[in-house]
Amino acid sequence: MDRPITTLFMLMSVDGKISTGATDDLDIDKDFPKIAGVREGLHQYYEIEQTTDLWSLNSGRVQAKLGVNTKEMPDKTPVSFVIIDNDHLNKNGVLYFCSLAKEFVLITSNANHPAFDVDESNLHIIRQNGPSLKEALAELKSEYGCERITIQSGGTLNSLFLHEKLFDYIDIVIAPVLIGGKDTPTLIDGKSLLSESKLSKIGVLKLQECMVLKKSYLRLRYKVIH
């Protein structure tokens, strides 16, 4: 395989939501700890997260929503981070990931991204004229030695991975909660299919493991068949 093995690892509600609402002020990481019956088992997701790959991919939008543009510099971790971003990270956000990551790879098509003004030895920039996840993944493997990567991005970016057949495994932790809302982000968003000819873009899965966790949480692990 000329790209890393990919795993989509996400926390979601029983109805497939990955946020608590449709605005950037609402977020699972901030809001689930406030909800009785949900917060008690939430630690299990973060404990499982600590066992995922040493390469992690996310979007600039998600990270900006989590506040990296204003956070103080974190301690170094052994994890290398890949962020796909055009205009959500500021210079502080870029420096945050340089401080946090073993290696930090930014993928962007914005020639004026603040990352170009940052001089850090572990910062690498993949400049694309247009988005190409397949090419970016291939470069991550060939240039940076990334063999396996965990994807934790938003529903729109997840849909691009799905439709380009770039998911190998799916690892989902389901919280015992229903959120609702047709505009609330889900595990896979993006453009809807409009014709039978597009059914090939649907991801077919084979269940590998179903774990009943404590406090009514579930963990589902799948291999993507096609």
Protein backbone atom coordinates (compact mmCIF):
# COMPACT_ATOMS: atom_id res chain seq x y z
CA MET A 1 0.00 0.00 0.00
CA ASP A 2 1.42 3.39 -1.00
CA ARG A 3 -0.29 5.23 1.85
CA PRO A 4 -0.65 4.78 5.63
CA ILE A 5 -3.23 2.40 7.08
CA THR A 6 -6.06 4.64 8.27
CA THR A 7 -8.47 4.34 11.19
CA LEU A 8 -11.39 6.68 11.78
CA PHE A 9 -11.66 7.02 15.57
CA MET A 10 -14.56 9.08 16.87
CA LEU A 11 -16.90 9.62 19.79
CA MET A 12 -20.55 9.97 18.80
CA SER A 13 -24.08 9.88 20.15
CA VAL A 14 -26.48 6.99 19.52
CA ASP A 15 -27.97 9.02 16.64
CA GLY A 16 -24.54 9.56 15.06
CA LYS A 17 -23.86 13.15 16.14
CA ILE A 18 -20.28 14.24 16.79
CA SER A 19 -21.20 17.61 18.26
CA THR A 20 -23.86 18.78 20.68
CA GLY A 21 -25.24 21.37 18.26
CA ALA A 22 -24.85 23.32 15.06
CA THR A 23 -22.65 26.20 16.28
CA ASP A 24 -18.95 26.24 17.12
CA ASP A 25 -19.84 27.19 20.71
CA LEU A 26 -21.26 23.70 21.21
CA ASP A 27 -18.83 20.80 21.39
CA ILE A 28 -18.83 17.25 22.76
CA ASP A 29 -15.52 17.67 24.61
CA LYS A 30 -16.83 20.75 26.43
CA ASP A 31 -20.46 19.72 26.87
CA PHE A 32 -20.54 15.98 27.66
CA PRO A 33 -18.78 16.54 31.04
CA LYS A 34 -21.75 18.73 32.03
CA ILE A 35 -24.43 16.08 31.35
CA ALA A 36 -25.38 13.64 34.10
CA GLY A 37 -25.59 10.08 32.80
CA VAL A 38 -23.03 10.85 30.09
CA ARG A 39 -20.07 12.33 31.95
CA GLU A 40 -19.64 9.30 34.22
CA GLY A 41 -18.41 7.03 31.40
CA LEU A 42 -16.73 9.63 29.22
CA HIS A 43 -13.24 8.90 30.56
CA GLN A 44 -13.29 5.57 28.70
CA TYR A 45 -13.17 7.32 25.32
CA TYR A 46 -10.11 9.34 26.32
CA GLU A 47 -8.42 6.24 27.73
CA ILE A 48 -8.97 4.40 24.44
CA GLU A 49 -7.73 7.48 22.55
CA GLN A 50 -4.38 7.14 24.32
CA THR A 51 -3.92 3.74 22.64
CA THR A 52 -4.43 4.97 19.06
CA ASP A 53 -1.75 5.49 16.40
CA LEU A 54 1.28 7.73 16.93
CA TRP A 55 0.15 9.75 13.90
CA SER A 56 -3.10 11.71 14.22
CA LEU A 57 -4.98 13.63 11.51
CA ASN A 58 -7.48 16.39 12.15
CA SER A 59 -8.83 19.57 10.57
CA GLY A 60 -7.93 23.14 11.38
CA ARG A 61 -11.58 23.97 11.89
CA VAL A 62 -12.01 21.35 14.61
CA GLN A 63 -8.84 22.45 16.35
CA ALA A 64 -9.76 26.14 16.19
CA LYS A 65 -13.11 25.18 17.73
CA LEU A 66 -11.19 23.51 20.57
CA GLY A 67 -9.29 26.75 21.20
CA VAL A 68 -5.73 26.06 20.03
CA ASN A 69 -5.48 29.58 18.57
CA THR A 70 -5.48 31.05 22.07
CA LYS A 71 -4.11 28.24 24.24
CA GLU A 72 -0.77 28.35 26.01
CA MET A 73 1.99 26.15 24.64
CA PRO A 74 1.60 22.48 25.70
CA ASP A 75 4.21 19.92 26.70
CA LYS A 76 5.75 17.77 23.98
CA THR A 77 4.12 14.40 23.25
CA PRO A 78 5.35 11.38 21.22
CA VAL A 79 2.45 11.84 18.77
CA SER A 80 2.92 13.38 15.31
CA PHE A 81 0.03 15.52 14.09
CA VAL A 82 -1.30 16.19 10.61
CA ILE A 83 -3.68 19.13 10.24
CA ILE A 84 -5.58 19.96 7.06
CA ASP A 85 -6.23 23.70 7.12
CA ASN A 86 -6.57 26.74 4.89
CA ASP A 87 -7.80 29.54 7.12
CA HIS A 88 -8.75 28.38 10.63
CA LEU A 89 -5.38 28.22 12.41
CA ASN A 90 -3.55 31.40 13.34
CA LYS A 91 0.15 31.63 14.19
CA ASN A 92 -0.48 30.66 17.82
CA GLY A 93 -2.37 27.58 16.65
CA VAL A 94 0.54 26.56 14.44
CA LEU A 95 3.04 27.08 17.26
CA TYR A 96 0.76 25.11 19.58
CA PHE A 97 1.10 22.03 17.38
CA CYS A 98 4.83 22.56 16.92
CA SER A 99 5.12 22.48 20.71
CA LEU A 100 2.78 19.50 21.12
CA ALA A 101 3.88 17.25 18.27
CA LYS A 102 6.89 15.09 17.58
CA GLU A 103 6.40 16.07 13.93
CA PHE A 104 3.76 18.51 12.72
CA VAL A 105 2.65 18.32 9.08
CA LEU A 106 0.29 21.02 7.80
CA ILE A 107 -1.60 20.34 4.56
CA THR A 108 -2.86 23.53 2.91
CA SER A 109 -3.68 25.16 -0.40
CA ASN A 110 -3.40 28.65 1.11
CA ALA A 111 -0.13 30.27 -0.01
CA ASN A 112 -0.53 32.88 2.73
CA HIS A 113 -1.14 30.49 5.62
CA PRO A 114 0.44 31.72 8.90
CA ALA A 115 2.48 28.52 9.04
CA PHE A 116 4.77 29.89 6.33
CA ASP A 117 5.94 32.53 8.85
CA VAL A 118 6.86 29.93 11.48
CA ASP A 119 10.40 28.57 11.71
CA GLU A 120 10.33 25.35 13.71
CA SER A 121 12.39 22.25 12.95
CA ASN A 122 9.45 19.86 13.33
CA LEU A 123 7.06 21.87 11.11
CA HIS A 124 6.53 20.51 7.59
CA ILE A 125 4.12 21.94 5.04
CA ILE A 126 2.50 20.05 2.19
CA ARG A 127 1.31 22.72 -0.23
CA GLN A 128 -1.44 21.60 -2.60
CA ASN A 129 -3.02 23.53 -5.45
CA GLY A 130 -6.25 21.66 -4.77
CA PRO A 131 -7.23 19.14 -2.11
CA SER A 132 -6.01 15.60 -2.78
CA LEU A 133 -6.21 13.34 0.24
CA LYS A 134 -4.74 10.39 -1.65
CA GLU A 135 -1.64 12.35 -2.67
CA ALA A 136 -1.25 13.82 0.82
CA LEU A 137 -1.42 10.40 2.46
CA ALA A 138 1.10 9.00 -0.02
CA GLU A 139 3.50 11.84 0.81
CA LEU A 140 3.05 11.28 4.54
CA LYS A 141 4.23 7.71 4.07
CA SER A 142 7.03 8.29 1.57
CA GLU A 143 8.48 11.49 3.05
CA TYR A 144 7.74 11.21 6.77
CA GLY A 145 7.54 7.47 7.41
CA CYS A 146 3.91 7.48 8.49
CA GLU A 147 2.74 3.84 8.39
CA ARG A 148 -0.52 4.13 10.35
CA ILE A 149 -2.66 7.16 11.12
CA THR A 150 -5.76 7.83 13.22
CA ILE A 151 -8.29 10.23 11.72
CA GLN A 152 -10.38 12.40 14.05
CA SER A 153 -11.78 15.09 11.80
CA GLY A 154 -15.18 16.62 11.18
CA GLY A 155 -18.05 15.12 9.22
CA THR A 156 -17.31 16.96 5.98
CA LEU A 157 -13.67 15.87 5.80
CA ASN A 158 -14.67 12.37 6.90
CA SER A 159 -17.00 12.19 3.89
CA LEU A 160 -14.09 12.92 1.54
CA PHE A 161 -12.10 10.06 3.07
CA LEU A 162 -15.13 7.80 2.70
CA HIS A 163 -15.94 8.65 -0.91
CA GLU A 164 -12.28 8.38 -1.96
CA LYS A 165 -12.11 4.93 -0.30
CA LEU A 166 -9.35 5.98 2.09
CA PHE A 167 -10.68 4.44 5.32
CA ASP A 168 -9.32 1.03 6.32
CA TYR A 169 -10.79 0.69 9.80
CA ILE A 170 -13.55 2.37 11.81
CA ASP A 171 -13.36 2.56 15.61
CA ILE A 172 -16.38 4.22 17.22
CA VAL A 173 -17.21 4.92 20.86
CA ILE A 174 -20.94 5.52 21.34
CA ALA A 175 -22.12 7.62 24.25
CA PRO A 176 -25.56 6.89 25.77
CA VAL A 177 -27.20 10.07 24.53
CA LEU A 178 -29.49 11.31 21.75
CA ILE A 179 -28.75 14.80 20.43
CA GLY A 180 -30.85 15.37 17.30
CA GLY A 181 -30.90 18.35 14.95
CA LYS A 182 -30.67 18.08 11.17
CA ASP A 183 -27.83 20.64 11.11
CA THR A 184 -25.82 19.05 13.92
CA PRO A 185 -22.61 17.48 12.52
CA THR A 186 -22.64 13.71 12.15
CA LEU A 187 -19.93 11.10 11.74
CA ILE A 188 -20.14 11.44 7.95
CA ASP A 189 -21.55 14.63 6.42
CA GLY A 190 -20.65 16.21 3.07
CA LYS A 191 -22.72 15.94 -0.07
CA SER A 192 -25.56 13.43 -0.17
CA LEU A 193 -25.77 10.80 -2.89
CA LEU A 194 -28.32 11.70 -5.56
CA SER A 195 -28.36 8.70 -7.87
CA GLU A 196 -28.05 4.93 -7.85
CA SER A 197 -24.87 5.23 -9.91
CA LYS A 198 -23.12 6.69 -6.84
CA LEU A 199 -23.84 3.74 -4.53
CA SER A 200 -20.25 2.60 -4.97
CA LYS A 201 -19.21 5.49 -2.71
CA ILE A 202 -20.97 3.88 0.25
CA GLY A 203 -18.61 2.24 2.73
CA VAL A 204 -19.37 -1.40 3.53
CA LEU A 205 -18.08 -2.64 6.89
CA LYS A 206 -17.31 -5.94 8.60
CA LEU A 207 -17.70 -5.95 12.38
CA GLN A 208 -14.52 -6.99 14.17
CA GLU A 209 -15.44 -6.29 17.76
CA CYS A 210 -18.38 -5.04 19.82
CA MET A 211 -17.46 -4.08 23.38
CA VAL A 212 -19.95 -3.15 26.07
CA LEU A 213 -18.19 -0.54 28.17
CA LYS A 214 -19.17 0.79 31.58
CA LYS A 215 -21.97 3.33 32.13
CA SER A 216 -23.89 2.24 28.97
CA TYR A 217 -21.10 3.17 26.52
CA LEU A 218 -20.30 0.95 23.52
CA ARG A 219 -17.21 0.51 21.36
CA LEU A 220 -17.64 -0.78 17.80
CA ARG A 221 -14.66 -1.73 15.63
CA TYR A 222 -15.01 -2.44 11.91
CA LYS A 223 -12.85 -3.26 8.93
CA VAL A 224 -13.83 -1.44 5.75
CA ILE A 225 -14.58 -4.01 3.07
CA HIS A 226 -15.09 -1.56 0.19
